[in-house]
């Protein structure tokens, strides 16, 4: 996880926050749709809320809510992940940029 000040071509000077996980990753084809309200990846029958066997499966609201908050601040949010792999756990990095007030 990190925070830094960056210059964005469209937004100007921004605070950028990044959060990296070590999970199973996200297929690049799904990078945009995961931010849509009520969207869930994978098969619902594989979702679990066990403390030791978790494969996602929330209600599909968290990233949609985060997107709404970021957009309300004229920022942007996105994810970078090389892909989904349950054997090698490539992880994902989520980024948020919020313009700084001058």
PDB file of N, CA and C in Angstrom:
ATOM      1  N   UNK A   1       0.847  -1.164   0.000  1.00  0.00           N
ATOM      2  CA  UNK A   1       0.000   0.000   0.000  1.00  0.00           C
ATOM      3  C   UNK A   1       0.893   1.227   0.000  1.00  0.00           C
ATOM      4  N   UNK A   2       0.460   2.212  -0.758  1.00  0.00           N
ATOM      5  CA  UNK A   2       1.254   3.420  -0.805  1.00  0.00           C
ATOM      6  C   UNK A   2       0.418   4.632  -1.143  1.00  0.00           C
ATOM      7  N   UNK A   3       0.977   5.792  -0.826  1.00  0.00           N
ATOM      8  CA  UNK A   3       0.345   7.061  -1.149  1.00  0.00           C
ATOM      9  C   UNK A   3       1.432   7.991  -1.661  1.00  0.00           C
ATOM     10  N   UNK A   4       1.129   8.662  -2.765  1.00  0.00           N
ATOM     11  CA  UNK A   4       2.083   9.626  -3.289  1.00  0.00           C
ATOM     12  C   UNK A   4       1.333  10.690  -4.079  1.00  0.00           C
ATOM     13  N   UNK A   5       2.029  11.781  -4.364  1.00  0.00           N
ATOM     14  CA  UNK A   5       1.476  12.836  -5.201  1.00  0.00           C
ATOM     15  C   UNK A   5       2.001  12.601  -6.608  1.00  0.00           C
ATOM     16  N   UNK A   6       1.066  12.548  -7.583  1.00  0.00           N
ATOM     17  CA  UNK A   6       1.429  12.300  -8.977  1.00  0.00           C
ATOM     18  C   UNK A   6       0.780  13.356  -9.859  1.00  0.00           C
ATOM     19  N   UNK A   7       1.312  13.508 -11.068  1.00  0.00           N
ATOM     20  CA  UNK A   7       0.730  14.405 -12.052  1.00  0.00           C
ATOM     21  C   UNK A   7      -0.025  13.566 -13.070  1.00  0.00           C
ATOM     22  N   UNK A   8      -1.339  13.753 -13.136  1.00  0.00           N
ATOM     23  CA  UNK A   8      -2.196  13.026 -14.066  1.00  0.00           C
ATOM     24  C   UNK A   8      -2.476  13.927 -15.262  1.00  0.00           C
ATOM     25  N   UNK A   9      -2.365  13.377 -16.482  1.00  0.00           N
ATOM     26  CA  UNK A   9      -2.574  14.171 -17.700  1.00  0.00           C
ATOM     27  C   UNK A   9      -3.951  14.825 -17.746  1.00  0.00           C
ATOM     28  N   UNK A  10      -4.966  14.167 -17.191  1.00  0.00           N
ATOM     29  CA  UNK A  10      -6.329  14.697 -17.248  1.00  0.00           C
ATOM     30  C   UNK A  10      -6.757  15.414 -15.971  1.00  0.00           C
ATOM     31  N   UNK A  11      -6.244  14.996 -14.839  1.00  0.00           N
ATOM     32  CA  UNK A  11      -6.715  15.517 -13.552  1.00  0.00           C
ATOM     33  C   UNK A  11      -5.781  16.536 -12.912  1.00  0.00           C
ATOM     34  N   UNK A  12      -4.580  16.652 -13.414  1.00  0.00           N
ATOM     35  CA  UNK A  12      -3.597  17.533 -12.795  1.00  0.00           C
ATOM     36  C   UNK A  12      -2.911  16.844 -11.628  1.00  0.00           C
ATOM     37  N   UNK A  13      -2.505  17.617 -10.646  1.00  0.00           N
ATOM     38  CA  UNK A  13      -1.810  17.062  -9.486  1.00  0.00           C
ATOM     39  C   UNK A  13      -2.809  16.307  -8.611  1.00  0.00           C
ATOM     40  N   UNK A  14      -2.470  15.055  -8.291  1.00  0.00           N
ATOM     41  CA  UNK A  14      -3.397  14.174  -7.561  1.00  0.00           C
ATOM     42  C   UNK A  14      -2.695  13.444  -6.432  1.00  0.00           C
ATOM     43  N   UNK A  15      -3.488  13.084  -5.441  1.00  0.00           N
ATOM     44  CA  UNK A  15      -3.053  12.116  -4.443  1.00  0.00           C
ATOM     45  C   UNK A  15      -3.388  10.747  -5.023  1.00  0.00           C
ATOM     46  N   UNK A  16      -2.414   9.865  -5.066  1.00  0.00           N
ATOM     47  CA  UNK A  16      -2.646   8.510  -5.567  1.00  0.00           C
ATOM     48  C   UNK A  16      -2.453   7.523  -4.427  1.00  0.00           C
ATOM     49  N   UNK A  17      -3.445   6.689  -4.237  1.00  0.00           N
ATOM     50  CA  UNK A  17      -3.412   5.640  -3.218  1.00  0.00           C
ATOM     51  C   UNK A  17      -3.432   4.311  -3.938  1.00  0.00           C
ATOM     52  N   UNK A  18      -2.533   3.412  -3.557  1.00  0.00           N
ATOM     53  CA  UNK A  18      -2.529   2.073  -4.149  1.00  0.00           C
ATOM     54  C   UNK A  18      -2.592   1.038  -3.033  1.00  0.00           C
ATOM     55  N   UNK A  19      -3.363  -0.011  -3.301  1.00  0.00           N
ATOM     56  CA  UNK A  19      -3.508  -1.109  -2.352  1.00  0.00           C
ATOM     57  C   UNK A  19      -3.291  -2.401  -3.118  1.00  0.00           C
ATOM     58  N   UNK A  20      -2.314  -3.184  -2.695  1.00  0.00           N
ATOM     59  CA  UNK A  20      -1.982  -4.443  -3.368  1.00  0.00           C
ATOM     60  C   UNK A  20      -2.359  -5.616  -2.469  1.00  0.00           C
ATOM     61  N   UNK A  21      -2.955  -6.640  -3.094  1.00  0.00           N
ATOM     62  CA  UNK A  21      -3.244  -7.864  -2.352  1.00  0.00           C
ATOM     63  C   UNK A  21      -2.441  -9.016  -2.932  1.00  0.00           C
ATOM     64  N   UNK A  22      -2.490 -10.141  -2.281  1.00  0.00           N
ATOM     65  CA  UNK A  22      -1.758 -11.327  -2.727  1.00  0.00           C
ATOM     66  C   UNK A  22      -2.734 -12.454  -3.045  1.00  0.00           C
ATOM     67  N   UNK A  23      -3.891 -12.086  -3.559  1.00  0.00           N
ATOM     68  CA  UNK A  23      -4.939 -13.059  -3.849  1.00  0.00           C
ATOM     69  C   UNK A  23      -4.801 -13.719  -5.201  1.00  0.00           C
ATOM     70  N   UNK A  24      -5.904 -14.269  -5.673  1.00  0.00           N
ATOM     71  CA  UNK A  24      -5.920 -15.064  -6.906  1.00  0.00           C
ATOM     72  C   UNK A  24      -5.904 -14.209  -8.168  1.00  0.00           C
ATOM     73  N   UNK A  25      -5.969 -12.914  -8.023  1.00  0.00           N
ATOM     74  CA  UNK A  25      -5.904 -12.022  -9.168  1.00  0.00           C
ATOM     75  C   UNK A  25      -7.233 -11.872  -9.880  1.00  0.00           C
ATOM     76  N   UNK A  26      -7.249 -10.985 -10.863  1.00  0.00           N
ATOM     77  CA  UNK A  26      -8.450 -10.684 -11.628  1.00  0.00           C
ATOM     78  C   UNK A  26      -8.090 -10.715 -13.098  1.00  0.00           C
ATOM     79  N   UNK A  27      -8.859 -11.460 -13.869  1.00  0.00           N
ATOM     80  CA  UNK A  27      -8.645 -11.542 -15.310  1.00  0.00           C
ATOM     81  C   UNK A  27      -8.773 -10.149 -15.911  1.00  0.00           C
ATOM     82  N   UNK A  28      -7.856  -9.750 -16.801  1.00  0.00           N
ATOM     83  CA  UNK A  28      -7.937  -8.424 -17.413  1.00  0.00           C
ATOM     84  C   UNK A  28      -9.290  -8.147 -18.084  1.00  0.00           C
ATOM     85  N   UNK A  29      -9.968  -9.158 -18.570  1.00  0.00           N
ATOM     86  CA  UNK A  29     -11.284  -8.972 -19.193  1.00  0.00           C
ATOM     87  C   UNK A  29     -12.322  -8.478 -18.192  1.00  0.00           C
ATOM     88  N   UNK A  30     -12.070  -8.667 -16.897  1.00  0.00           N
ATOM     89  CA  UNK A  30     -13.003  -8.273 -15.850  1.00  0.00           C
ATOM     90  C   UNK A  30     -12.621  -6.968 -15.157  1.00  0.00           C
ATOM     91  N   UNK A  31     -11.553  -6.331 -15.579  1.00  0.00           N
ATOM     92  CA  UNK A  31     -11.058  -5.137 -14.878  1.00  0.00           C
ATOM     93  C   UNK A  31     -12.070  -4.002 -14.825  1.00  0.00           C
ATOM     94  N   UNK A  32     -12.911  -3.844 -15.820  1.00  0.00           N
ATOM     95  CA  UNK A  32     -13.893  -2.760 -15.808  1.00  0.00           C
ATOM     96  C   UNK A  32     -15.184  -3.157 -15.102  1.00  0.00           C
ATOM     97  N   UNK A  33     -15.651  -4.372 -15.338  1.00  0.00           N
ATOM     98  CA  UNK A  33     -16.967  -4.773 -14.820  1.00  0.00           C
ATOM     99  C   UNK A  33     -17.000  -4.948 -13.310  1.00  0.00           C
ATOM    100  N   UNK A  34     -15.863  -5.164 -12.666  1.00  0.00           N
ATOM    101  CA  UNK A  34     -15.888  -5.363 -11.210  1.00  0.00           C
ATOM    102  C   UNK A  34     -16.316  -4.110 -10.458  1.00  0.00           C
ATOM    103  N   UNK A  35     -16.282  -2.963 -11.120  1.00  0.00           N
ATOM    104  CA  UNK A  35     -16.679  -1.711 -10.481  1.00  0.00           C
ATOM    105  C   UNK A  35     -18.172  -1.419 -10.643  1.00  0.00           C
ATOM    106  N   UNK A  36     -18.889  -2.308 -11.341  1.00  0.00           N
ATOM    107  CA  UNK A  36     -20.326  -2.131 -11.549  1.00  0.00           C
ATOM    108  C   UNK A  36     -21.105  -2.673 -10.349  1.00  0.00           C
ATOM    109  N   UNK A  37     -22.181  -1.988 -10.030  1.00  0.00           N
ATOM    110  CA  UNK A  37     -23.031  -2.369  -8.905  1.00  0.00           C
ATOM    111  C   UNK A  37     -23.582  -3.779  -9.092  1.00  0.00           C
ATOM    112  N   UNK A  38     -23.500  -4.583  -8.034  1.00  0.00           N
ATOM    113  CA  UNK A  38     -24.016  -5.953  -7.938  1.00  0.00           C
ATOM    114  C   UNK A  38     -23.280  -6.957  -8.810  1.00  0.00           C
ATOM    115  N   UNK A  39     -22.113  -6.606  -9.335  1.00  0.00           N
ATOM    116  CA  UNK A  39     -21.343  -7.551 -10.142  1.00  0.00           C
ATOM    117  C   UNK A  39     -20.492  -8.423  -9.232  1.00  0.00           C
ATOM    118  N   UNK A  40     -20.499  -9.735  -9.504  1.00  0.00           N
ATOM    119  CA  UNK A  40     -19.683 -10.685  -8.749  1.00  0.00           C
ATOM    120  C   UNK A  40     -18.920 -11.562  -9.729  1.00  0.00           C
ATOM    121  N   UNK A  41     -17.652 -11.812  -9.440  1.00  0.00           N
ATOM    122  CA  UNK A  41     -16.841 -12.698 -10.264  1.00  0.00           C
ATOM    123  C   UNK A  41     -17.014 -14.140  -9.816  1.00  0.00           C
ATOM    124  N   UNK A  42     -16.839 -15.047 -10.729  1.00  0.00           N
ATOM    125  CA  UNK A  42     -16.850 -16.464 -10.392  1.00  0.00           C
ATOM    126  C   UNK A  42     -18.249 -17.010 -10.182  1.00  0.00           C
ATOM    127  N   UNK A  43     -18.284 -18.271  -9.821  1.00  0.00           N
ATOM    128  CA  UNK A  43     -19.555 -18.954  -9.585  1.00  0.00           C
ATOM    129  C   UNK A  43     -19.946 -18.791  -8.126  1.00  0.00           C
ATOM    130  N   UNK A  44     -21.188 -18.396  -7.904  1.00  0.00           N
ATOM    131  CA  UNK A  44     -21.648 -18.117  -6.551  1.00  0.00           C
ATOM    132  C   UNK A  44     -21.526 -19.347  -5.648  1.00  0.00           C
ATOM    133  N   UNK A  45     -21.636 -20.551  -6.205  1.00  0.00           N
ATOM    134  CA  UNK A  45     -21.548 -21.745  -5.361  1.00  0.00           C
ATOM    135  C   UNK A  45     -20.137 -21.962  -4.795  1.00  0.00           C
ATOM    136  N   UNK A  46     -19.140 -21.292  -5.373  1.00  0.00           N
ATOM    137  CA  UNK A  46     -17.779 -21.411  -4.860  1.00  0.00           C
ATOM    138  C   UNK A  46     -17.453 -20.340  -3.825  1.00  0.00           C
ATOM    139  N   UNK A  47     -18.323 -19.371  -3.655  1.00  0.00           N
ATOM    140  CA  UNK A  47     -18.073 -18.301  -2.691  1.00  0.00           C
ATOM    141  C   UNK A  47     -18.229 -18.846  -1.278  1.00  0.00           C
ATOM    142  N   UNK A  48     -17.414 -18.339  -0.410  1.00  0.00           N
ATOM    143  CA  UNK A  48     -17.415 -18.807   0.968  1.00  0.00           C
ATOM    144  C   UNK A  48     -17.042 -17.663   1.885  1.00  0.00           C
ATOM    145  N   UNK A  49     -17.591 -17.655   3.055  1.00  0.00           N
ATOM    146  CA  UNK A  49     -17.201 -16.644   4.033  1.00  0.00           C
ATOM    147  C   UNK A  49     -16.415 -17.277   5.174  1.00  0.00           C
ATOM    148  N   UNK A  50     -15.930 -18.471   4.956  1.00  0.00           N
ATOM    149  CA  UNK A  50     -15.118 -19.160   5.946  1.00  0.00           C
ATOM    150  C   UNK A  50     -13.844 -18.370   6.224  1.00  0.00           C
ATOM    151  N   UNK A  51     -13.316 -18.466   7.416  1.00  0.00           N
ATOM    152  CA  UNK A  51     -12.096 -17.747   7.772  1.00  0.00           C
ATOM    153  C   UNK A  51     -10.879 -18.300   7.038  1.00  0.00           C
ATOM    154  N   UNK A  52     -10.950 -19.566   6.585  1.00  0.00           N
ATOM    155  CA  UNK A  52      -9.786 -20.163   5.926  1.00  0.00           C
ATOM    156  C   UNK A  52     -10.033 -20.505   4.459  1.00  0.00           C
ATOM    157  N   UNK A  53     -11.253 -20.344   3.965  1.00  0.00           N
ATOM    158  CA  UNK A  53     -11.569 -20.728   2.599  1.00  0.00           C
ATOM    159  C   UNK A  53     -12.433 -19.645   1.955  1.00  0.00           C
ATOM    160  N   UNK A  54     -11.823 -18.533   1.589  1.00  0.00           N
ATOM    161  CA  UNK A  54     -12.577 -17.396   1.058  1.00  0.00           C
ATOM    162  C   UNK A  54     -12.240 -17.173  -0.402  1.00  0.00           C
ATOM    163  N   UNK A  55     -13.243 -17.112  -1.250  1.00  0.00           N
ATOM    164  CA  UNK A  55     -13.040 -16.857  -2.677  1.00  0.00           C
ATOM    165  C   UNK A  55     -13.878 -15.675  -3.155  1.00  0.00           C
ATOM    166  N   UNK A  56     -14.077 -14.706  -2.338  1.00  0.00           N
ATOM    167  CA  UNK A  56     -14.873 -13.549  -2.742  1.00  0.00           C
ATOM    168  C   UNK A  56     -16.330 -13.746  -2.391  1.00  0.00           C
ATOM    169  N   UNK A  57     -17.188 -13.139  -3.133  1.00  0.00           N
ATOM    170  CA  UNK A  57     -18.608 -13.386  -2.962  1.00  0.00           C
ATOM    171  C   UNK A  57     -19.339 -12.442  -2.055  1.00  0.00           C
ATOM    172  N   UNK A  58     -18.931 -11.201  -2.005  1.00  0.00           N
ATOM    173  CA  UNK A  58     -19.734 -10.223  -1.293  1.00  0.00           C
ATOM    174  C   UNK A  58     -20.954  -9.887  -2.130  1.00  0.00           C
ATOM    175  N   UNK A  59     -21.733  -8.920  -1.704  1.00  0.00           N
ATOM    176  CA  UNK A  59     -22.940  -8.572  -2.445  1.00  0.00           C
ATOM    177  C   UNK A  59     -22.679  -7.796  -3.734  1.00  0.00           C
ATOM    178  N   UNK A  60     -21.431  -7.461  -4.023  1.00  0.00           N
ATOM    179  CA  UNK A  60     -21.126  -6.728  -5.247  1.00  0.00           C
ATOM    180  C   UNK A  60     -21.368  -5.237  -5.125  1.00  0.00           C
ATOM    181  N   UNK A  61     -21.203  -4.703  -3.923  1.00  0.00           N
ATOM    182  CA  UNK A  61     -21.439  -3.273  -3.708  1.00  0.00           C
ATOM    183  C   UNK A  61     -20.178  -2.486  -3.362  1.00  0.00           C
ATOM    184  N   UNK A  62     -19.185  -3.127  -2.778  1.00  0.00           N
ATOM    185  CA  UNK A  62     -18.014  -2.417  -2.258  1.00  0.00           C
ATOM    186  C   UNK A  62     -17.286  -1.571  -3.280  1.00  0.00           C
ATOM    187  N   UNK A  63     -16.917  -2.158  -4.411  1.00  0.00           N
ATOM    188  CA  UNK A  63     -16.191  -1.390  -5.423  1.00  0.00           C
ATOM    189  C   UNK A  63     -17.091  -0.370  -6.104  1.00  0.00           C
ATOM    190  N   UNK A  64     -18.387  -0.666  -6.226  1.00  0.00           N
ATOM    191  CA  UNK A  64     -19.321   0.302  -6.807  1.00  0.00           C
ATOM    192  C   UNK A  64     -19.452   1.523  -5.893  1.00  0.00           C
ATOM    193  N   UNK A  65     -19.510   1.297  -4.591  1.00  0.00           N
ATOM    194  CA  UNK A  65     -19.579   2.409  -3.632  1.00  0.00           C
ATOM    195  C   UNK A  65     -18.284   3.218  -3.669  1.00  0.00           C
ATOM    196  N   UNK A  66     -17.143   2.524  -3.676  1.00  0.00           N
ATOM    197  CA  UNK A  66     -15.849   3.213  -3.747  1.00  0.00           C
ATOM    198  C   UNK A  66     -15.766   4.051  -5.020  1.00  0.00           C
ATOM    199  N   UNK A  67     -16.262   3.508  -6.136  1.00  0.00           N
ATOM    200  CA  UNK A  67     -16.254   4.239  -7.401  1.00  0.00           C
ATOM    201  C   UNK A  67     -17.093   5.503  -7.302  1.00  0.00           C
ATOM    202  N   UNK A  68     -18.255   5.406  -6.677  1.00  0.00           N
ATOM    203  CA  UNK A  68     -19.115   6.579  -6.503  1.00  0.00           C
ATOM    204  C   UNK A  68     -18.452   7.663  -5.681  1.00  0.00           C
ATOM    205  N   UNK A  69     -17.778   7.267  -4.622  1.00  0.00           N
ATOM    206  CA  UNK A  69     -17.090   8.243  -3.760  1.00  0.00           C
ATOM    207  C   UNK A  69     -15.947   8.912  -4.513  1.00  0.00           C
ATOM    208  N   UNK A  70     -15.158   8.104  -5.228  1.00  0.00           N
ATOM    209  CA  UNK A  70     -14.022   8.652  -5.975  1.00  0.00           C
ATOM    210  C   UNK A  70     -14.513   9.601  -7.068  1.00  0.00           C
ATOM    211  N   UNK A  71     -15.553   9.212  -7.797  1.00  0.00           N
ATOM    212  CA  UNK A  71     -16.081  10.077  -8.861  1.00  0.00           C
ATOM    213  C   UNK A  71     -16.680  11.356  -8.289  1.00  0.00           C
ATOM    214  N   UNK A  72     -17.269  11.289  -7.100  1.00  0.00           N
ATOM    215  CA  UNK A  72     -17.815  12.489  -6.459  1.00  0.00           C
ATOM    216  C   UNK A  72     -16.712  13.500  -6.152  1.00  0.00           C
ATOM    217  N   UNK A  73     -15.487  13.019  -6.042  1.00  0.00           N
ATOM    218  CA  UNK A  73     -14.332  13.891  -5.804  1.00  0.00           C
ATOM    219  C   UNK A  73     -13.551  14.147  -7.093  1.00  0.00           C
ATOM    220  N   UNK A  74     -14.206  13.904  -8.240  1.00  0.00           N
ATOM    221  CA  UNK A  74     -13.626  14.097  -9.572  1.00  0.00           C
ATOM    222  C   UNK A  74     -12.353  13.280  -9.792  1.00  0.00           C
ATOM    223  N   UNK A  75     -12.259  12.131  -9.145  1.00  0.00           N
ATOM    224  CA  UNK A  75     -11.089  11.275  -9.282  1.00  0.00           C
ATOM    225  C   UNK A  75     -11.357  10.079 -10.163  1.00  0.00           C
ATOM    226  N   UNK A  76     -10.438   9.130 -10.116  1.00  0.00           N
ATOM    227  CA  UNK A  76     -10.621   7.889 -10.867  1.00  0.00           C
ATOM    228  C   UNK A  76     -10.094   6.719 -10.054  1.00  0.00           C
ATOM    229  N   UNK A  77     -10.630   5.539 -10.366  1.00  0.00           N
ATOM    230  CA  UNK A  77     -10.278   4.306  -9.676  1.00  0.00           C
ATOM    231  C   UNK A  77     -10.110   3.217 -10.724  1.00  0.00           C
ATOM    232  N   UNK A  78      -9.110   2.358 -10.527  1.00  0.00           N
ATOM    233  CA  UNK A  78      -8.902   1.251 -11.454  1.00  0.00           C
ATOM    234  C   UNK A  78      -8.111   0.150 -10.766  1.00  0.00           C
ATOM    235  N   UNK A  79      -8.037  -0.983 -11.451  1.00  0.00           N
ATOM    236  CA  UNK A  79      -7.294  -2.131 -10.940  1.00  0.00           C
ATOM    237  C   UNK A  79      -6.287  -2.580 -11.993  1.00  0.00           C
ATOM    238  N   UNK A  80      -5.172  -3.104 -11.519  1.00  0.00           N
ATOM    239  CA  UNK A  80      -4.185  -3.738 -12.388  1.00  0.00           C
ATOM    240  C   UNK A  80      -3.906  -5.127 -11.830  1.00  0.00           C
ATOM    241  N   UNK A  81      -3.985  -6.124 -12.704  1.00  0.00           N
ATOM    242  CA  UNK A  81      -3.711  -7.502 -12.318  1.00  0.00           C
ATOM    243  C   UNK A  81      -3.344  -8.261 -13.584  1.00  0.00           C
ATOM    244  N   UNK A  82      -2.331  -9.103 -13.494  1.00  0.00           N
ATOM    245  CA  UNK A  82      -1.897  -9.834 -14.682  1.00  0.00           C
ATOM    246  C   UNK A  82      -2.879 -10.929 -15.066  1.00  0.00           C
ATOM    247  N   UNK A  83      -3.723 -11.326 -14.150  1.00  0.00           N
ATOM    248  CA  UNK A  83      -4.712 -12.355 -14.452  1.00  0.00           C
ATOM    249  C   UNK A  83      -5.125 -13.114 -13.215  1.00  0.00           C
ATOM    250  N   UNK A  84      -6.005 -14.060 -13.430  1.00  0.00           N
ATOM    251  CA  UNK A  84      -6.565 -14.890 -12.361  1.00  0.00           C
ATOM    252  C   UNK A  84      -5.850 -16.236 -12.358  1.00  0.00           C
ATOM    253  N   UNK A  85      -5.281 -16.621 -11.221  1.00  0.00           N
ATOM    254  CA  UNK A  85      -4.612 -17.910 -11.124  1.00  0.00           C
ATOM    255  C   UNK A  85      -4.640 -18.365  -9.672  1.00  0.00           C
ATOM    256  N   UNK A  86      -5.393 -19.436  -9.405  1.00  0.00           N
ATOM    257  CA  UNK A  86      -5.537 -19.944  -8.038  1.00  0.00           C
ATOM    258  C   UNK A  86      -4.336 -20.759  -7.572  1.00  0.00           C
ATOM    259  N   UNK A  87      -3.367 -21.004  -8.452  1.00  0.00           N
ATOM    260  CA  UNK A  87      -2.170 -21.747  -8.060  1.00  0.00           C
ATOM    261  C   UNK A  87      -1.000 -20.816  -7.730  1.00  0.00           C
ATOM    262  N   UNK A  88      -0.878 -19.709  -8.475  1.00  0.00           N
ATOM    263  CA  UNK A  88       0.279 -18.827  -8.281  1.00  0.00           C
ATOM    264  C   UNK A  88      -0.039 -17.528  -7.546  1.00  0.00           C
ATOM    265  N   UNK A  89      -1.315 -17.215  -7.351  1.00  0.00           N
ATOM    266  CA  UNK A  89      -1.748 -16.025  -6.611  1.00  0.00           C
ATOM    267  C   UNK A  89      -1.028 -14.750  -7.066  1.00  0.00           C
ATOM    268  N   UNK A  90      -1.326 -14.286  -8.284  1.00  0.00           N
ATOM    269  CA  UNK A  90      -0.633 -13.096  -8.786  1.00  0.00           C
ATOM    270  C   UNK A  90      -1.042 -11.791  -8.117  1.00  0.00           C
ATOM    271  N   UNK A  91      -2.177 -11.786  -7.432  1.00  0.00           N
ATOM    272  CA  UNK A  91      -2.627 -10.579  -6.742  1.00  0.00           C
ATOM    273  C   UNK A  91      -3.167  -9.516  -7.676  1.00  0.00           C
ATOM    274  N   UNK A  92      -3.602  -8.445  -7.080  1.00  0.00           N
ATOM    275  CA  UNK A  92      -4.153  -7.294  -7.804  1.00  0.00           C
ATOM    276  C   UNK A  92      -3.727  -6.033  -7.068  1.00  0.00           C
ATOM    277  N   UNK A  93      -3.617  -4.948  -7.809  1.00  0.00           N
ATOM    278  CA  UNK A  93      -3.347  -3.654  -7.196  1.00  0.00           C
ATOM    279  C   UNK A  93      -4.460  -2.701  -7.607  1.00  0.00           C
ATOM    280  N   UNK A  94      -5.100  -2.087  -6.620  1.00  0.00           N
ATOM    281  CA  UNK A  94      -6.154  -1.115  -6.849  1.00  0.00           C
ATOM    282  C   UNK A  94      -5.570   0.279  -6.656  1.00  0.00           C
ATOM    283  N   UNK A  95      -5.958   1.187  -7.547  1.00  0.00           N
ATOM    284  CA  UNK A  95      -5.454   2.560  -7.518  1.00  0.00           C
ATOM    285  C   UNK A  95      -6.619   3.541  -7.418  1.00  0.00           C
ATOM    286  N   UNK A  96      -6.406   4.602  -6.667  1.00  0.00           N
ATOM    287  CA  UNK A  96      -7.351   5.716  -6.581  1.00  0.00           C
ATOM    288  C   UNK A  96      -6.546   6.988  -6.767  1.00  0.00           C
ATOM    289  N   UNK A  97      -7.048   7.876  -7.622  1.00  0.00           N
ATOM    290  CA  UNK A  97      -6.454   9.212  -7.779  1.00  0.00           C
ATOM    291  C   UNK A  97      -7.529  10.256  -7.490  1.00  0.00           C
ATOM    292  N   UNK A  98      -7.189  11.163  -6.613  1.00  0.00           N
ATOM    293  CA  UNK A  98      -8.071  12.270  -6.252  1.00  0.00           C
ATOM    294  C   UNK A  98      -7.310  13.574  -6.524  1.00  0.00           C
ATOM    295  N   UNK A  99      -7.903  14.484  -7.313  1.00  0.00           N
ATOM    296  CA  UNK A  99      -7.214  15.757  -7.580  1.00  0.00           C
ATOM    297  C   UNK A  99      -7.000  16.558  -6.291  1.00  0.00           C
ATOM    298  N   UNK A 100      -5.843  17.185  -6.206  1.00  0.00           N
ATOM    299  CA  UNK A 100      -5.527  18.042  -5.058  1.00  0.00           C
ATOM    300  C   UNK A 100      -6.086  19.435  -5.306  1.00  0.00           C
ATOM    301  N   UNK A 101      -6.616  20.031  -4.280  1.00  0.00           N
ATOM    302  CA  UNK A 101      -7.167  21.383  -4.370  1.00  0.00           C
ATOM    303  C   UNK A 101      -6.023  22.370  -4.293  1.00  0.00           C
ATOM    304  N   UNK A 102      -6.064  23.346  -5.168  1.00  0.00           N
ATOM    305  CA  UNK A 102      -4.993  24.363  -5.174  1.00  0.00           C
ATOM    306  C   UNK A 102      -5.357  25.538  -4.327  1.00  0.00           C
TER     307      UNK A 102
END
